[in-house]
Amino acid sequence: MLGRLRYLLTLSRPRFWLYLAGPIAVAVPFGVSSPDGLFSPVTLPLFAYFLLPANVFLYGINDVFDADVDVENPKKDDREARWQGDPLVSALIVASGLLGLATFALTPRVSWPYLAGFFFLAAQYSAPPLRFKTTPVADSVSNGLYILPGAAAYAAVSGTHPPLAALAGAWLWTMGMHTFSAIPDIEPDREAGIRTTATVLGERLTYGYCLLCWLAAAAVFAVVDVRIGLLLVAYPVVVFAVFRSDVDVERAYWWYPAINTAVGTLLTLGALWRLLYA
């Protein structure tokens, strides 16, 4: 049993847990009108669900339907886990998805489109019939799923939809983030016959695609707040530096959980400062 739990935790990608829960921590301070709303019967369960169970659901589906492809994926040798076909783990993945139904009961209706969008994209990114991850451009666009928990939390605490520019900027950011993460997988995916934005463009043009996505994200976020736009400029700067340097992209890929956490922390602190002192 201990081995199964260890495997399940590895499957859930602990380094990436904050990719789903982090947007909630950022969005809630921007959405509440007073500090009393930061920790509530809505925000805390949402954060808890998207910290672990949602990651088990998202990455579990990914590993189930990528089992054949992942045979040649070097990331599965140490930092991630190859699918083992354990029926109990399969049941826990399904249970993690079903547990997500509780998020609808916790939140007002204004949050529901974002929650529904998350669960739809989380499943169809990897699973048939749509399997977005094997369709160039759609694989990148569908990764907007990562910002939908934050959008749902913002809507829940504010009673309104997030600003359209914030949604668009965040979606562009996820497109760049996903496609950059696909660069180390170009050769394994090509060998497995998988077509993605990165395999079609090749490494050099994929860097350019990420640069454009992140420049666009910074520009759109500047419509919301110039300071946020300036902060997001860090992403095109870093990707350009990686492209021009001798740093292995597979190594640089593992920097991004720390970079994203640092940027998210600065955004959250800025929102808290505005909430407390503005």
Protein backbone atom coordinates (compact mmCIF):
# COMPACT_ATOMS: atom_id res chain seq x y z
CA MET A 1 0.00 0.00 0.00
CA LEU A 2 2.85 2.38 0.83
CA GLY A 3 4.31 1.72 -2.61
CA ARG A 4 1.00 2.55 -4.24
CA LEU A 5 0.73 5.83 -2.33
CA ARG A 6 4.29 6.73 -3.33
CA TYR A 7 3.47 5.91 -6.96
CA LEU A 8 0.24 7.94 -6.81
CA LEU A 9 2.09 10.97 -5.45
CA THR A 10 4.70 10.68 -8.20
CA LEU A 11 1.93 10.35 -10.79
CA SER A 12 0.33 13.58 -9.50
CA ARG A 13 3.53 15.56 -10.30
CA PRO A 14 4.19 17.28 -6.90
CA ARG A 15 6.45 19.84 -8.59
CA PHE A 16 3.42 21.01 -10.57
CA TRP A 17 0.75 20.97 -7.87
CA LEU A 18 0.72 24.74 -7.70
CA TYR A 19 0.01 25.00 -11.41
CA LEU A 20 -3.64 24.32 -10.58
CA ALA A 21 -3.89 25.53 -6.98
CA GLY A 22 -1.59 28.53 -7.44
CA PRO A 23 -4.01 30.48 -9.66
CA ILE A 24 -6.56 30.22 -6.83
CA ALA A 25 -4.09 31.74 -4.38
CA VAL A 26 -3.48 34.58 -6.85
CA ALA A 27 -7.10 35.13 -7.89
CA VAL A 28 -8.78 35.18 -4.48
CA PRO A 29 -6.94 38.28 -3.13
CA PHE A 30 -7.84 40.09 -6.34
CA GLY A 31 -11.48 39.04 -6.08
CA VAL A 32 -12.36 39.61 -2.42
CA SER A 33 -13.45 42.98 -1.08
CA SER A 34 -12.04 42.47 2.44
CA PRO A 35 -9.49 40.23 4.18
CA ASP A 36 -12.35 38.25 5.75
CA GLY A 37 -13.00 36.61 2.39
CA LEU A 38 -9.52 35.18 1.93
CA PHE A 39 -10.06 32.03 3.98
CA SER A 40 -13.64 30.89 3.67
CA PRO A 41 -15.72 27.70 3.30
CA VAL A 42 -15.39 28.21 -0.45
CA THR A 43 -11.74 29.20 -0.96
CA LEU A 44 -10.11 26.64 1.32
CA PRO A 45 -11.85 23.53 -0.12
CA LEU A 46 -11.24 24.79 -3.66
CA PHE A 47 -7.54 25.23 -2.95
CA ALA A 48 -7.33 21.80 -1.29
CA TYR A 49 -9.08 20.04 -4.17
CA PHE A 50 -6.97 21.65 -6.87
CA LEU A 51 -3.77 21.11 -4.90
CA LEU A 52 -3.90 17.30 -4.96
CA PRO A 53 -7.05 15.45 -6.13
CA ALA A 54 -7.34 17.52 -9.31
CA ASN A 55 -3.71 16.77 -10.13
CA VAL A 56 -4.29 13.05 -9.63
CA PHE A 57 -7.25 13.32 -12.02
CA LEU A 58 -5.44 15.40 -14.66
CA TYR A 59 -2.14 13.56 -14.75
CA GLY A 60 -3.68 10.16 -14.09
CA ILE A 61 -5.75 10.44 -17.28
CA ASN A 62 -2.65 11.63 -19.09
CA ASP A 63 -0.60 8.63 -17.97
CA VAL A 64 -3.33 6.10 -18.74
CA PHE A 65 -3.73 7.22 -22.35
CA ASP A 66 -0.02 7.92 -22.88
CA ALA A 67 1.21 4.57 -21.59
CA ASP A 68 2.49 3.44 -25.01
CA VAL A 69 4.00 6.83 -25.87
CA ASP A 70 5.78 7.15 -22.53
CA VAL A 71 7.85 4.02 -23.12
CA GLU A 72 10.36 6.27 -24.95
CA ASN A 73 9.95 9.34 -22.74
CA PRO A 74 13.11 10.01 -20.67
CA LYS A 75 11.18 12.15 -18.16
CA LYS A 76 9.51 8.96 -16.94
CA ASP A 77 12.84 7.50 -15.86
CA ASP A 78 13.23 9.60 -12.72
CA ARG A 79 11.03 12.66 -12.15
CA GLU A 80 7.73 11.12 -13.27
CA ALA A 81 6.21 7.64 -13.28
CA ARG A 82 5.25 5.27 -16.06
CA TRP A 83 1.71 3.89 -15.99
CA GLN A 84 1.61 0.52 -14.22
CA GLY A 85 -2.00 -0.43 -14.88
CA ASP A 86 -2.90 -0.83 -11.20
CA PRO A 87 -6.73 -1.17 -10.88
CA LEU A 88 -6.75 0.52 -7.46
CA VAL A 89 -4.84 3.51 -8.83
CA SER A 90 -7.30 3.64 -11.74
CA ALA A 91 -10.17 3.72 -9.25
CA LEU A 92 -8.52 6.55 -7.32
CA ILE A 93 -8.13 8.58 -10.51
CA VAL A 94 -11.84 8.16 -11.22
CA ALA A 95 -12.67 9.01 -7.59
CA SER A 96 -10.57 12.18 -7.82
CA GLY A 97 -12.61 13.28 -10.81
CA LEU A 98 -15.90 12.49 -9.11
CA LEU A 99 -14.79 14.40 -6.03
CA GLY A 100 -14.58 17.44 -8.27
CA LEU A 101 -18.36 17.45 -8.51
CA ALA A 102 -18.33 18.83 -4.96
CA THR A 103 -16.73 22.04 -6.28
CA PHE A 104 -20.00 22.82 -8.06
CA ALA A 105 -21.93 22.46 -4.81
CA LEU A 106 -19.49 24.80 -3.03
CA THR A 107 -19.55 27.61 -5.58
CA PRO A 108 -22.15 29.97 -7.04
CA ARG A 109 -23.37 29.49 -10.59
CA VAL A 110 -21.11 32.21 -11.93
CA SER A 111 -18.16 29.85 -11.24
CA TRP A 112 -19.65 26.83 -12.95
CA PRO A 113 -18.59 27.55 -16.56
CA TYR A 114 -14.96 27.72 -15.45
CA LEU A 115 -15.22 24.51 -13.44
CA ALA A 116 -16.99 22.74 -16.30
CA GLY A 117 -14.33 23.98 -18.70
CA PHE A 118 -11.59 22.63 -16.47
CA PHE A 119 -13.03 19.12 -16.16
CA PHE A 120 -13.82 18.94 -19.87
CA LEU A 121 -10.35 20.04 -20.96
CA ALA A 122 -8.59 18.00 -18.25
CA ALA A 123 -10.22 14.85 -19.59
CA GLN A 124 -10.18 15.58 -23.31
CA TYR A 125 -6.61 16.84 -23.38
CA SER A 126 -5.43 13.23 -23.09
CA ALA A 127 -8.48 10.99 -23.54
CA PRO A 128 -10.41 10.09 -26.70
CA PRO A 129 -12.32 11.12 -28.65
CA LEU A 130 -10.80 14.59 -28.87
CA ARG A 131 -7.36 14.00 -27.32
CA PHE A 132 -6.26 17.58 -27.88
CA LYS A 133 -2.64 16.83 -27.04
CA THR A 134 -2.17 15.06 -30.39
CA THR A 135 -3.50 17.98 -32.46
CA PRO A 136 -1.08 20.85 -33.20
CA VAL A 137 -2.27 24.23 -31.86
CA ALA A 138 -5.19 22.57 -30.05
CA ASP A 139 -2.68 21.00 -27.66
CA SER A 140 -1.40 24.48 -26.80
CA VAL A 141 -4.77 26.25 -26.64
CA SER A 142 -6.40 23.56 -24.51
CA ASN A 143 -3.86 24.15 -21.75
CA GLY A 144 -5.84 27.19 -20.72
CA LEU A 145 -7.36 24.60 -18.37
CA TYR A 146 -4.65 25.53 -15.84
CA ILE A 147 -6.04 29.01 -15.20
CA LEU A 148 -9.69 27.95 -14.95
CA PRO A 149 -9.53 27.00 -11.22
CA GLY A 150 -8.33 30.54 -10.51
CA ALA A 151 -11.10 32.00 -12.67
CA ALA A 152 -13.67 29.90 -10.81
CA ALA A 153 -12.32 31.05 -7.44
CA TYR A 154 -12.33 34.71 -8.50
CA ALA A 155 -15.93 34.40 -9.66
CA ALA A 156 -16.92 32.63 -6.44
CA VAL A 157 -15.56 35.32 -4.12
CA SER A 158 -16.41 38.38 -6.23
CA GLY A 159 -19.74 37.27 -7.67
CA THR A 160 -18.63 38.42 -11.13
CA HIS A 161 -16.58 37.07 -13.99
CA PRO A 162 -12.85 37.84 -14.06
CA PRO A 163 -11.75 40.71 -16.35
CA LEU A 164 -11.65 39.48 -19.94
CA ALA A 165 -8.12 40.84 -20.42
CA ALA A 166 -6.91 38.89 -17.37
CA LEU A 167 -8.43 35.68 -18.74
CA ALA A 168 -6.95 36.26 -22.18
CA GLY A 169 -3.51 37.13 -20.80
CA ALA A 170 -3.46 34.11 -18.52
CA TRP A 171 -4.61 31.83 -21.36
CA LEU A 172 -1.78 33.08 -23.58
CA TRP A 173 0.65 32.47 -20.72
CA THR A 174 -0.49 28.83 -20.43
CA MET A 175 -0.10 28.36 -24.17
CA GLY A 176 3.53 29.44 -23.96
CA MET A 177 4.14 27.40 -20.83
CA HIS A 178 2.71 24.22 -22.30
CA THR A 179 4.57 24.51 -25.58
CA PHE A 180 7.88 25.23 -23.86
CA SER A 181 7.37 22.11 -21.73
CA ALA A 182 6.88 20.12 -24.94
CA ILE A 183 10.32 20.97 -26.34
CA PRO A 184 12.11 18.16 -24.40
CA ASP A 185 9.47 15.75 -25.75
CA ILE A 186 9.96 16.58 -29.44
CA GLU A 187 12.09 13.55 -30.30
CA PRO A 188 10.19 11.00 -28.13
CA ASP A 189 6.89 12.27 -29.56
CA ARG A 190 8.16 12.08 -33.13
CA GLU A 191 9.40 8.54 -32.56
CA ALA A 192 5.97 7.62 -31.21
CA GLY A 193 4.20 9.27 -34.16
CA ILE A 194 2.62 11.99 -32.02
CA ARG A 195 1.97 15.34 -33.71
CA THR A 196 2.09 18.39 -31.44
CA THR A 197 2.72 22.08 -31.93
CA ALA A 198 6.35 21.48 -30.92
CA THR A 199 6.92 18.49 -33.24
CA VAL A 200 5.48 20.40 -36.20
CA LEU A 201 7.46 23.58 -35.56
CA GLY A 202 10.70 21.99 -34.45
CA GLU A 203 12.81 23.23 -31.55
CA ARG A 204 13.94 26.58 -32.99
CA LEU A 205 10.49 27.77 -34.12
CA THR A 206 8.91 26.46 -30.91
CA TYR A 207 11.12 28.85 -28.95
CA GLY A 208 9.76 31.63 -31.16
CA TYR A 209 6.18 30.50 -30.58
CA CYS A 210 6.71 30.57 -26.79
CA LEU A 211 8.33 33.99 -27.03
CA LEU A 212 5.35 35.38 -28.95
CA CYS A 213 2.80 33.82 -26.57
CA TRP A 214 4.55 35.29 -23.53
CA LEU A 215 5.04 38.71 -25.13
CA ALA A 216 1.34 38.76 -26.00
CA ALA A 217 0.44 37.66 -22.46
CA ALA A 218 2.48 40.52 -20.99
CA ALA A 219 0.90 43.04 -23.38
CA VAL A 220 -2.65 41.88 -22.61
CA PHE A 221 -2.03 41.83 -18.86
CA ALA A 222 -0.74 45.40 -19.13
CA VAL A 223 -4.31 46.36 -20.05
CA VAL A 224 -5.35 45.13 -16.60
CA ASP A 225 -2.37 46.65 -14.79
CA VAL A 226 0.89 47.86 -16.30
CA ARG A 227 2.80 46.45 -13.33
CA ILE A 228 1.51 42.95 -14.02
CA GLY A 229 2.46 43.29 -17.66
CA LEU A 230 6.00 44.32 -16.71
CA LEU A 231 6.29 41.36 -14.33
CA LEU A 232 5.23 38.96 -17.08
CA VAL A 233 8.02 40.25 -19.33
CA ALA A 234 10.25 37.94 -17.26
CA TYR A 235 8.98 34.98 -19.31
CA PRO A 236 10.03 36.11 -22.80
CA VAL A 237 13.32 37.32 -21.34
CA VAL A 238 14.06 33.92 -19.78
CA VAL A 239 13.04 31.90 -22.84
CA PHE A 240 15.18 34.11 -25.08
CA ALA A 241 18.12 33.68 -22.68
CA VAL A 242 17.68 29.88 -22.72
CA PHE A 243 17.53 29.88 -26.53
CA ARG A 244 20.72 31.95 -26.83
CA SER A 245 22.64 30.02 -24.17
CA ASP A 246 24.13 26.54 -23.97
CA VAL A 247 21.66 25.49 -21.26
CA ASP A 248 19.94 22.20 -22.04
CA VAL A 249 16.22 22.89 -22.50
CA GLU A 250 15.40 19.76 -20.49
CA ARG A 251 17.26 21.28 -17.55
CA ALA A 252 15.67 24.74 -18.07
CA TYR A 253 12.21 23.12 -18.15
CA TRP A 254 12.61 22.14 -14.50
CA TRP A 255 13.35 25.75 -13.51
CA TYR A 256 9.83 26.83 -14.31
CA PRO A 257 8.00 25.53 -11.22
CA ALA A 258 10.26 27.85 -9.17
CA ILE A 259 9.90 30.75 -11.64
CA ASN A 260 6.13 30.38 -11.73
CA THR A 261 5.92 30.17 -7.93
CA ALA A 262 8.02 33.34 -7.59
CA VAL A 263 5.89 35.27 -10.09
CA GLY A 264 2.67 34.00 -8.52
CA THR A 265 3.90 34.98 -5.06
CA LEU A 266 4.67 38.52 -6.23
CA LEU A 267 1.22 38.81 -7.80
CA THR A 268 -0.43 37.54 -4.61
CA LEU A 269 1.58 39.90 -2.41
CA GLY A 270 0.65 42.80 -4.66
CA ALA A 271 -3.03 41.90 -4.44
CA LEU A 272 -2.81 41.58 -0.66
CA TRP A 273 -1.09 44.97 -0.39
CA ARG A 274 -3.86 46.56 -2.45
CA LEU A 275 -6.51 44.82 -0.34
CA LEU A 276 -5.00 45.89 2.98
CA TYR A 277 -3.62 49.36 2.26
CA ALA A 278 -5.11 50.79 -0.93
